[in-house]
Amino acid sequence: MALFNLFAGDGERIAKILLGSKVEEKDSLIERINPYNKKLVSRYPVCSVEDANRALEIAKVASKVSAKAPLYQRIAWLEDVAKKIRENEEDFARLIVDEVAKPIKFARIEVQRCAETIELTAKELISFGGETIPSDATPSGRDSMAYWKRVPVGVAVCITPFNFPLNLIVHKIAPALGAGNAVVLKPTPEAPLCAYKLAKLFIDSEYAVPDALSVVYGDAEVGSALVKSSIPRVISFTGSVPVGKIITSKAGIKKVSLELGGNAATYIDAKANLADAAFKCAFGSFYNSGQVCISLQRIYVHKEVYEKFSKLMAEETKKLKVGSPYDNDTFMGPLIDEDSKHRAKSWVASAKDEGADILVGGEEIDGIFPPTVLANVTDDMKIVCEEVFAPIVSLVAVPDMQTALDKINSSPYGLQYSIFTNSLKNAQIFIKEAEAGGVVVNDIPTVRFDIQPYGGVKLSGVGREGPRFALEEFTDIKSVVIF
């Protein structure tokens, strides 16, 4: 039976509080409206600080049990959840479209990646351990049996965003639970039912550690209670820089992993394959309506090929189908809410007033802000200085690669950058000098494989995701010496 047949006959589609294995309901509910068709798609309860504290106390007790759960059980737990996600792929995909209006073909890919991320985590657990230490390696040392091992931290708080409402959750909770911790999840208010249904798969699994996962919904007050508490030993957050700064100031002495977005850029070298670059850049700029932390926002083009590339980029952008996210061939749907749309329009208007030219887009069509390409953008324009998080990309002509690197690195962010070039030397220089957590050669900075380490430098955050690397975030090292 498909997972979402659970809704058959009740018509409620309510995300409920999960206090460990206990489901709790409340009378006061907040409605989630589909960004495209404005229909009611789900509701979720208003949680309180008390709810957050109850979830933390339950997790504190459960963490003692989780830490003792044998490895085979934790691996079987993850594999069981991944299997059920695959069995309910279409239902999950349509729920993503309902809540955040991600085009259905990309929603299906996200569900597939979600299952893969969990499976990768299960595989990493088999070899995730420690190593022996030669304690007699120095004259002051002594012969012993010395080694270090990784142990669960105890309780982890995971706070997730709307743009990947399934995959970014499992990038946190799968490694956290797999490592033997208990988790309190606070998902985005834009996709509460996605989080609830996913969490239920973990909780209802025959291999689940009882009470190891709780889900609470809420605003800054609830988030603050989770972060400030002395119970969690790790706070894992994906979201904005302002919220990241608040978390850092309130967390106290505990591990904090932050993925805070970016201002992704690429450089188009003079002898690069321009047609290939334009095709890929159109995808990277407007995928998920530009609502991706590594969405391509700045394109620095060698002046010798600037005009040619600009035309190719405009042509590729015009080919993208914009419309209903429920249509299989739609590439881009609406932004997450009206505020985001108005913000995008104001940024384009501001850039135009400052002298930028609109090559494609810029004007709302049938309620959707379209893919927009700006040319003749300068360094002092807001549109290139800050994270846009909208389907807007800026083209900037540069005399050489070093100038492009200087401009790229001038951003306070540093998540992922890329270069299109047929010069190995230029690629090597770019890799060495780009101030970012990740570099891509001959593709867009929007490329992310779930198996790789993912995270940034500067204002883009601290810590890394990706199954193996997240497991490190959710564990501590214990050193052992035996005589």
Protein backbone atom coordinates (compact mmCIF):
# COMPACT_ATOMS: atom_id res chain seq x y z
CA MET A 1 0.00 0.00 0.00
CA ALA A 2 1.36 3.41 -0.95
CA LEU A 3 2.26 5.59 1.99
CA PHE A 4 -0.11 8.41 1.24
CA ASN A 5 -3.12 6.14 1.04
CA LEU A 6 -3.07 6.74 4.78
CA PHE A 7 -4.86 9.97 3.91
CA ALA A 8 -7.62 8.26 2.00
CA GLY A 9 -10.99 9.18 3.41
CA ASP A 10 -9.91 11.71 6.04
CA GLY A 11 -8.89 14.63 3.84
CA GLU A 12 -6.96 16.16 6.73
CA ARG A 13 -3.31 15.98 5.60
CA ILE A 14 -2.12 17.13 8.99
CA ALA A 15 1.50 16.96 10.10
CA LYS A 16 1.54 15.95 13.73
CA ILE A 17 4.00 16.42 16.56
CA LEU A 18 6.19 13.40 17.16
CA LEU A 19 7.50 13.25 20.72
CA GLY A 20 9.67 10.22 20.28
CA SER A 21 7.37 7.40 19.21
CA LYS A 22 4.27 9.20 20.53
CA VAL A 23 2.04 11.14 18.13
CA GLU A 24 0.50 14.29 19.56
CA GLU A 25 -2.10 16.63 18.09
CA LYS A 26 -3.14 20.19 18.85
CA ASP A 27 -6.22 22.24 18.09
CA SER A 28 -4.32 25.25 16.75
CA LEU A 29 -3.09 24.54 13.21
CA ILE A 30 -1.26 26.57 10.56
CA GLU A 31 -2.21 26.09 6.91
CA ARG A 32 0.27 25.46 4.12
CA ILE A 33 -0.85 26.83 0.74
CA ASN A 34 0.58 25.59 -2.56
CA PRO A 35 2.72 28.41 -4.07
CA TYR A 36 1.42 27.71 -7.59
CA ASN A 37 -2.32 27.06 -7.41
CA LYS A 38 -2.92 28.61 -3.96
CA LYS A 39 -4.75 25.51 -2.74
CA LEU A 40 -4.60 24.26 0.85
CA VAL A 41 -2.24 21.28 0.86
CA SER A 42 -1.38 20.61 4.50
CA ARG A 43 -1.64 21.84 8.06
CA TYR A 44 0.67 21.60 11.02
CA PRO A 45 0.41 22.32 14.75
CA VAL A 46 1.72 25.36 16.55
CA CYS A 47 4.39 24.07 18.92
CA SER A 48 5.56 25.75 22.09
CA VAL A 49 8.82 26.03 23.98
CA GLU A 50 7.40 23.42 26.33
CA ASP A 51 6.97 21.03 23.39
CA ALA A 52 10.58 21.60 22.37
CA ASN A 53 11.82 20.93 25.88
CA ARG A 54 9.72 17.77 26.16
CA ALA A 55 11.19 16.51 22.90
CA LEU A 56 14.71 17.20 24.17
CA GLU A 57 14.08 15.36 27.43
CA ILE A 58 12.73 12.34 25.54
CA ALA A 59 15.78 12.43 23.26
CA LYS A 60 18.10 12.61 26.26
CA VAL A 61 16.72 9.36 27.63
CA ALA A 62 16.54 7.69 24.21
CA SER A 63 20.16 8.59 23.42
CA LYS A 64 21.32 6.14 26.10
CA VAL A 65 19.49 3.36 24.30
CA SER A 66 20.62 4.52 20.83
CA ALA A 67 24.26 4.45 21.87
CA LYS A 68 23.91 0.76 22.78
CA ALA A 69 22.00 -0.28 19.64
CA PRO A 70 24.16 -2.76 17.68
CA LEU A 71 25.57 -1.63 14.34
CA TYR A 72 23.64 -4.25 12.37
CA GLN A 73 20.36 -2.87 13.75
CA ARG A 74 21.21 0.71 12.82
CA ILE A 75 22.24 -0.33 9.33
CA ALA A 76 19.07 -2.40 8.90
CA TRP A 77 17.06 0.58 10.15
CA LEU A 78 18.44 2.89 7.48
CA GLU A 79 18.11 0.28 4.73
CA ASP A 80 14.49 -0.37 5.70
CA VAL A 81 13.60 3.34 5.50
CA ALA A 82 15.36 3.74 2.14
CA LYS A 83 13.43 0.75 0.78
CA LYS A 84 10.09 2.22 1.86
CA ILE A 85 10.96 5.61 0.35
CA ARG A 86 11.60 3.92 -2.98
CA GLU A 87 8.30 2.04 -2.71
CA ASN A 88 6.48 5.34 -2.21
CA GLU A 89 8.53 7.45 -4.61
CA GLU A 90 5.65 8.94 -6.58
CA ASP A 91 3.61 9.82 -3.49
CA PHE A 92 6.56 11.57 -1.90
CA ALA A 93 7.33 13.41 -5.14
CA ARG A 94 3.78 14.71 -5.46
CA LEU A 95 3.79 15.80 -1.85
CA ILE A 96 6.94 17.85 -2.53
CA VAL A 97 5.16 19.50 -5.45
CA ASP A 98 2.12 20.18 -3.27
CA GLU A 99 4.02 21.86 -0.47
CA VAL A 100 6.87 23.72 -2.22
CA ALA A 101 5.89 23.63 -5.93
CA LYS A 102 9.12 22.00 -7.09
CA PRO A 103 8.57 20.71 -10.67
CA ILE A 104 7.56 17.07 -10.56
CA LYS A 105 10.51 15.76 -12.58
CA PHE A 106 12.94 17.29 -10.10
CA ALA A 107 10.81 16.21 -7.13
CA ARG A 108 11.16 12.63 -8.32
CA ILE A 109 14.92 13.05 -8.51
CA GLU A 110 14.95 14.41 -4.96
CA VAL A 111 13.10 11.37 -3.66
CA GLN A 112 15.60 9.11 -5.40
CA ARG A 113 18.50 11.08 -3.91
CA CYS A 114 16.86 10.88 -0.50
CA ALA A 115 16.88 7.08 -0.62
CA GLU A 116 20.45 7.06 -1.98
CA THR A 117 21.69 9.35 0.81
CA ILE A 118 20.31 6.98 3.43
CA GLU A 119 21.80 3.96 1.65
CA LEU A 120 25.19 5.68 1.38
CA THR A 121 25.08 6.39 5.11
CA ALA A 122 24.35 2.75 5.88
CA LYS A 123 27.36 1.68 3.78
CA GLU A 124 29.65 4.23 5.44
CA LEU A 125 28.73 2.90 8.89
CA ILE A 126 30.38 -0.44 8.16
CA SER A 127 33.86 1.10 7.93
CA PHE A 128 33.30 4.14 10.15
CA GLY A 129 35.45 3.60 13.21
CA GLY A 130 38.93 4.57 14.37
CA GLU A 131 42.53 3.39 14.22
CA THR A 132 45.41 2.21 16.36
CA ILE A 133 48.10 4.61 17.57
CA PRO A 134 51.83 3.75 17.96
CA SER A 135 52.24 5.10 21.49
CA ASP A 136 55.95 4.27 21.48
CA ALA A 137 56.63 6.45 18.43
CA THR A 138 58.54 9.00 20.55
CA PRO A 139 61.27 8.57 23.19
CA SER A 140 58.88 9.82 25.89
CA GLY A 141 56.21 7.32 24.88
CA ARG A 142 55.62 3.76 26.05
CA ASP A 143 54.48 0.57 24.44
CA SER A 144 50.74 0.05 24.93
CA MET A 145 47.56 -0.81 23.14
CA ALA A 146 46.44 2.64 22.06
CA TYR A 147 43.68 3.54 19.68
CA TRP A 148 40.87 5.98 19.09
CA LYS A 149 37.26 5.34 18.23
CA ARG A 150 34.21 7.38 17.35
CA VAL A 151 31.26 7.51 19.71
CA PRO A 152 27.82 9.14 19.38
CA VAL A 153 27.49 12.66 20.78
CA GLY A 154 24.13 11.89 22.44
CA VAL A 155 21.43 14.29 21.25
CA ALA A 156 21.44 16.25 17.99
CA VAL A 157 19.11 19.06 16.92
CA CYS A 158 18.54 19.28 13.17
CA ILE A 159 16.92 22.35 11.56
CA THR A 160 16.15 22.10 7.84
CA PRO A 161 15.04 24.39 4.93
CA PHE A 162 12.32 24.20 2.28
CA ASN A 163 14.25 23.85 -0.97
CA PHE A 164 15.02 20.13 -0.55
CA PRO A 165 12.41 19.12 2.03
CA LEU A 166 13.34 15.43 2.00
CA ASN A 167 16.97 15.09 1.00
CA LEU A 168 18.33 17.79 3.29
CA ILE A 169 16.54 16.18 6.23
CA VAL A 170 18.13 12.79 5.65
CA HIS A 171 21.54 14.38 5.12
CA LYS A 172 21.25 15.22 8.81
CA ILE A 173 19.09 12.63 10.54
CA ALA A 174 20.36 9.51 8.73
CA PRO A 175 24.00 10.03 9.86
CA ALA A 176 22.88 11.25 13.29
CA LEU A 177 20.65 8.22 13.94
CA GLY A 178 23.00 5.82 12.19
CA ALA A 179 25.86 6.92 14.45
CA GLY A 180 23.78 6.02 17.51
CA ASN A 181 22.31 9.36 18.56
CA ALA A 182 18.82 10.62 19.29
CA VAL A 183 17.50 13.49 17.17
CA VAL A 184 15.06 16.35 17.53
CA LEU A 185 14.08 17.61 14.08
CA LYS A 186 12.61 21.04 13.43
CA PRO A 187 11.70 21.06 9.74
CA THR A 188 10.82 24.02 7.55
CA PRO A 189 7.26 25.35 8.01
CA GLU A 190 6.91 25.31 4.22
CA ALA A 191 6.96 21.50 4.02
CA PRO A 192 5.69 20.10 7.32
CA LEU A 193 3.92 17.06 5.86
CA CYS A 194 7.01 15.97 3.93
CA ALA A 195 8.96 15.94 7.18
CA TYR A 196 6.20 14.20 9.13
CA LYS A 197 5.73 11.39 6.62
CA LEU A 198 9.48 10.88 6.32
CA ALA A 199 9.91 10.81 10.09
CA LYS A 200 7.08 8.30 10.44
CA LEU A 201 8.99 5.89 8.21
CA PHE A 202 11.93 6.06 10.60
CA ILE A 203 9.77 5.78 13.72
CA ASP A 204 7.55 2.96 12.44
CA SER A 205 10.42 0.81 11.15
CA GLU A 206 10.71 -2.58 12.86
CA TYR A 207 14.40 -1.77 13.43
CA ALA A 208 13.83 1.66 15.00
CA VAL A 209 15.35 2.62 18.33
CA PRO A 210 12.33 3.67 20.44
CA ASP A 211 11.95 7.43 20.90
CA ALA A 212 15.19 8.19 19.05
CA LEU A 213 13.51 10.68 16.69
CA SER A 214 11.19 13.56 17.59
CA VAL A 215 9.66 16.22 15.32
CA VAL A 216 8.51 19.65 16.45
CA TYR A 217 7.37 22.58 14.35
CA GLY A 218 7.75 26.21 15.17
CA ASP A 219 9.13 29.67 14.85
CA ALA A 220 12.24 31.38 16.20
CA GLU A 221 11.09 30.88 19.78
CA VAL A 222 10.96 27.11 19.42
CA GLY A 223 14.25 27.09 17.51
CA SER A 224 15.90 29.19 20.19
CA ALA A 225 14.76 26.78 22.91
CA LEU A 226 16.29 23.86 21.04
CA VAL A 227 19.56 25.66 20.38
CA LYS A 228 20.07 27.13 23.85
CA SER A 229 19.33 23.94 25.74
CA SER A 230 22.23 22.12 27.41
CA ILE A 231 20.84 18.75 26.26
CA PRO A 232 21.89 18.65 22.57
CA ARG A 233 25.59 18.27 21.82
CA VAL A 234 25.27 19.08 18.11
CA ILE A 235 23.21 21.71 16.29
CA SER A 236 22.99 21.09 12.54
CA PHE A 237 21.37 23.93 10.62
CA THR A 238 20.85 24.75 6.95
CA GLY A 239 19.48 28.22 6.22
CA SER A 240 20.28 31.92 6.18
CA VAL A 241 23.33 33.77 7.50
CA PRO A 242 21.33 35.95 9.95
CA VAL A 243 19.81 32.87 11.58
CA GLY A 244 23.18 31.14 11.54
CA LYS A 245 24.69 34.04 13.45
CA ILE A 246 21.90 33.86 16.04
CA ILE A 247 22.46 30.12 16.48
CA THR A 248 26.19 30.65 16.92
CA SER A 249 25.61 33.30 19.58
CA LYS A 250 23.10 31.22 21.53
CA ALA A 251 24.38 27.64 21.22
CA GLY A 252 27.02 27.76 23.92
CA ILE A 253 29.67 25.05 24.18
CA LYS A 254 28.50 22.43 21.70
CA LYS A 255 29.25 21.43 18.13
CA VAL A 256 27.56 23.66 15.56
CA SER A 257 27.38 22.71 11.87
CA LEU A 258 26.10 25.47 9.61
CA GLU A 259 25.35 25.49 5.88
CA LEU A 260 24.42 29.09 5.27
CA GLY A 261 24.11 29.58 1.55
CA GLY A 262 26.31 31.29 -0.97
CA ASN A 263 26.76 33.49 -3.98
CA ALA A 264 27.87 30.90 -6.52
CA ALA A 265 29.93 32.05 -9.48
CA THR A 266 31.61 30.65 -12.57
CA TYR A 267 34.25 31.87 -15.00
CA ILE A 268 33.92 31.30 -18.77
CA ASP A 269 37.42 31.15 -20.27
CA ALA A 270 38.11 32.57 -23.74
CA LYS A 271 38.54 29.13 -25.36
CA ALA A 272 35.89 27.27 -23.41
CA ASN A 273 33.11 25.36 -25.16
CA LEU A 274 30.61 28.23 -25.08
CA ALA A 275 27.58 26.27 -26.25
CA ASP A 276 28.12 23.64 -23.57
CA ALA A 277 28.75 26.30 -20.94
CA ALA A 278 25.60 28.24 -21.84
CA PHE A 279 23.45 25.11 -21.73
CA LYS A 280 24.78 24.13 -18.31
CA CYS A 281 24.69 27.67 -16.92
CA ALA A 282 21.02 28.06 -17.86
CA PHE A 283 20.28 24.93 -15.86
CA GLY A 284 22.43 25.96 -12.90
CA SER A 285 21.00 29.47 -12.72
CA PHE A 286 17.32 28.57 -12.78
CA TYR A 287 17.05 25.05 -11.36
CA ASN A 288 14.50 25.04 -8.53
CA SER A 289 13.72 28.68 -9.35
CA GLY A 290 17.21 29.65 -8.23
CA GLN A 291 16.32 28.59 -4.69
CA VAL A 292 19.46 26.56 -4.15
CA CYS A 293 22.42 27.55 -1.98
CA ILE A 294 24.74 26.79 -4.92
CA SER A 295 22.46 28.29 -7.57
CA LEU A 296 24.59 30.05 -10.19
CA GLN A 297 24.27 33.78 -9.57
CA ARG A 298 27.37 35.37 -11.12
CA ILE A 299 28.90 34.50 -14.50
CA TYR A 300 32.24 36.13 -15.28
CA VAL A 301 32.98 35.89 -19.00
CA HIS A 302 36.23 36.65 -20.80
CA LYS A 303 35.69 39.86 -22.75
CA GLU A 304 36.69 38.23 -26.07
CA VAL A 305 33.67 35.90 -25.93
CA TYR A 306 31.30 37.97 -23.78
CA GLU A 307 28.90 38.98 -26.55
CA LYS A 308 28.76 35.50 -28.06
CA PHE A 309 28.22 33.84 -24.72
CA SER A 310 25.55 36.36 -23.73
CA LYS A 311 23.54 35.50 -26.83
CA LEU A 312 23.90 31.76 -26.25
CA MET A 313 22.89 32.16 -22.61
CA ALA A 314 19.81 34.14 -23.60
CA GLU A 315 18.86 31.52 -26.17
CA GLU A 316 19.21 28.62 -23.73
CA THR A 317 17.22 30.47 -21.08
CA LYS A 318 14.34 31.09 -23.47
CA LYS A 319 14.07 27.34 -24.11
CA LEU A 320 13.20 26.57 -20.48
CA LYS A 321 9.55 25.80 -19.88
CA VAL A 322 8.02 27.79 -17.05
CA GLY A 323 4.62 26.86 -15.69
CA SER A 324 2.74 24.29 -13.65
CA PRO A 325 5.05 22.21 -11.45
CA TYR A 326 2.68 19.28 -11.97
CA ASP A 327 3.53 19.04 -15.70
CA ASN A 328 6.24 16.51 -16.53
CA ASP A 329 8.05 18.83 -18.93
CA THR A 330 8.07 21.95 -16.73
CA PHE A 331 11.57 23.11 -15.84
CA MET A 332 10.71 25.94 -13.45
CA GLY A 333 7.70 26.83 -11.33
CA PRO A 334 7.02 29.66 -8.88
CA LEU A 335 9.11 30.95 -6.03
CA ILE A 336 8.24 29.68 -2.58
CA ASP A 337 6.03 32.66 -1.65
CA GLU A 338 4.86 36.13 -2.68
CA ASP A 339 7.50 37.88 -0.58
CA SER A 340 10.25 36.08 -2.48
CA LYS A 341 8.69 37.07 -5.81
CA HIS A 342 8.38 40.74 -4.84
CA ARG A 343 11.95 40.69 -3.58
CA ALA A 344 13.22 39.30 -6.88
CA LYS A 345 11.31 41.92 -8.86
CA SER A 346 12.70 44.71 -6.71
CA TRP A 347 16.27 43.47 -7.13
CA VAL A 348 15.94 43.40 -10.91
CA ALA A 349 14.39 46.88 -10.92
CA SER A 350 17.23 48.16 -8.77
CA ALA A 351 19.86 46.65 -11.07
CA LYS A 352 18.13 48.12 -14.10
CA ASP A 353 18.11 51.56 -12.48
CA GLU A 354 21.83 51.17 -11.83
CA GLY A 355 22.54 50.46 -15.50
CA ALA A 356 22.13 46.73 -15.99
CA ASP A 357 20.40 45.41 -19.11
CA ILE A 358 17.75 42.68 -19.03
CA LEU A 359 18.48 40.13 -21.75
CA VAL A 360 15.70 37.70 -20.77
CA GLY A 361 12.88 37.78 -18.25
CA GLY A 362 12.44 40.38 -15.55
CA GLU A 363 8.65 40.62 -15.81
CA GLU A 364 6.17 38.38 -14.01
CA ILE A 365 4.29 35.95 -16.27
CA ASP A 366 1.06 34.29 -15.08
CA GLY A 367 2.05 34.80 -11.46
CA ILE A 368 5.56 33.37 -11.89
CA PHE A 369 8.78 35.35 -11.83
CA PRO A 370 10.65 33.96 -14.86
CA PRO A 371 14.29 33.04 -15.50
CA THR A 372 16.09 36.38 -15.79
CA VAL A 373 19.48 37.14 -17.33
CA LEU A 374 21.13 40.50 -16.63
CA ALA A 375 24.04 41.94 -18.62
CA ASN A 376 26.43 44.84 -18.04
CA VAL A 377 26.32 44.26 -14.30
CA THR A 378 28.95 46.00 -12.18
CA ASP A 379 30.65 45.00 -8.93
CA ASP A 380 28.84 47.54 -6.78
CA MET A 381 25.34 46.37 -7.67
CA LYS A 382 23.38 44.60 -4.93
CA ILE A 383 22.42 41.90 -7.41
CA VAL A 384 25.98 40.47 -7.38
CA CYS A 385 27.00 41.37 -3.82
CA GLU A 386 24.34 39.43 -1.89
CA GLU A 387 22.65 36.04 -2.17
CA VAL A 388 19.67 36.41 -4.50
CA PHE A 389 17.96 33.00 -3.97
CA ALA A 390 15.80 33.63 -7.03
CA PRO A 391 15.98 32.84 -10.77
CA ILE A 392 18.32 35.73 -11.59
CA VAL A 393 21.83 35.50 -13.02
CA SER A 394 24.27 38.31 -13.85
CA LEU A 395 26.80 38.39 -16.69
CA VAL A 396 30.02 40.34 -16.14
CA ALA A 397 32.79 40.84 -18.70
CA VAL A 398 36.38 40.43 -17.44
CA PRO A 399 39.77 40.83 -19.16
CA ASP A 400 41.32 37.63 -17.77
CA MET A 401 40.91 34.76 -15.32
CA GLN A 402 42.80 36.46 -12.49
CA THR A 403 40.36 39.35 -12.57
CA ALA A 404 37.49 36.88 -12.48
CA LEU A 405 39.06 35.11 -9.49
CA ASP A 406 39.51 38.39 -7.64
CA LYS A 407 35.88 39.30 -8.23
CA ILE A 408 34.62 35.83 -7.32
CA ASN A 409 36.64 35.78 -4.10
CA SER A 410 35.50 39.27 -3.12
CA SER A 411 32.20 37.77 -1.96
CA PRO A 412 31.76 37.22 1.80
CA TYR A 413 30.40 33.77 0.86
CA GLY A 414 32.39 30.76 -0.26
CA LEU A 415 30.30 27.67 -0.92
CA GLN A 416 31.01 26.46 -4.48
CA TYR A 417 32.53 28.02 -7.61
CA SER A 418 33.34 26.70 -11.06
CA ILE A 419 35.32 27.34 -14.22
CA PHE A 420 34.73 26.44 -17.86
CA THR A 421 38.09 26.06 -19.63
CA ASN A 422 40.11 23.77 -21.89
CA SER A 423 43.35 24.81 -20.17
CA LEU A 424 44.63 22.41 -17.50
CA LYS A 425 46.87 25.16 -16.15
CA ASN A 426 43.96 27.55 -15.70
CA ALA A 427 41.90 24.83 -14.05
CA GLN A 428 44.73 24.11 -11.59
CA ILE A 429 45.16 27.80 -10.75
CA PHE A 430 41.41 28.21 -10.25
CA ILE A 431 41.20 25.17 -7.98
CA LYS A 432 44.07 26.48 -5.88
CA GLU A 433 42.94 30.10 -5.58
CA ALA A 434 39.12 29.88 -5.42
CA GLU A 435 38.04 30.57 -1.84
CA ALA A 436 35.29 28.00 -1.55
CA GLY A 437 34.36 24.69 -0.01
CA GLY A 438 34.00 23.15 -3.46
CA VAL A 439 35.25 23.75 -7.01
CA VAL A 440 33.81 22.30 -10.23
CA VAL A 441 35.67 22.26 -13.56
CA ASN A 442 33.70 22.42 -16.83
CA ASP A 443 30.32 22.36 -15.19
CA ILE A 444 28.19 24.57 -12.97
CA PRO A 445 28.86 25.21 -9.27
CA THR A 446 25.34 23.86 -8.72
CA VAL A 447 26.72 20.33 -9.10
CA ARG A 448 26.49 18.37 -5.87
CA PHE A 449 26.84 14.62 -5.47
CA ASP A 450 25.38 13.41 -2.19
CA ILE A 451 28.43 11.26 -1.50
CA GLN A 452 30.88 14.18 -1.56
CA PRO A 453 31.85 16.51 1.31
CA TYR A 454 29.62 19.57 1.06
CA GLY A 455 29.97 22.86 2.90
CA GLY A 456 31.58 26.24 2.65
CA VAL A 457 34.03 28.77 4.01
CA LYS A 458 33.60 32.35 5.20
CA LEU A 459 29.90 33.23 5.65
CA SER A 460 28.83 30.03 3.89
CA GLY A 461 29.26 28.20 7.16
CA VAL A 462 31.25 25.61 9.08
CA GLY A 463 31.23 21.82 8.99
CA ARG A 464 30.51 19.42 6.16
CA GLU A 465 27.63 17.25 5.00
CA GLY A 466 27.72 14.11 2.90
CA PRO A 467 27.23 10.77 4.71
CA ARG A 468 30.83 10.07 5.72
CA PHE A 469 31.52 13.66 6.71
CA ALA A 470 28.24 14.16 8.55
CA LEU A 471 29.00 11.05 10.58
CA GLU A 472 32.09 12.88 11.81
CA GLU A 473 29.95 15.87 12.79
CA PHE A 474 27.60 13.69 14.81
CA THR A 475 30.30 11.77 16.70
CA ASP A 476 33.10 12.51 19.14
CA ILE A 477 36.55 10.95 19.24
CA LYS A 478 37.38 8.86 22.29
CA SER A 479 41.04 8.03 22.82
CA VAL A 480 41.91 4.77 24.59
CA VAL A 481 45.19 3.55 26.11
CA ILE A 482 45.54 0.04 27.59
CA PHE A 483 48.64 -1.20 29.43
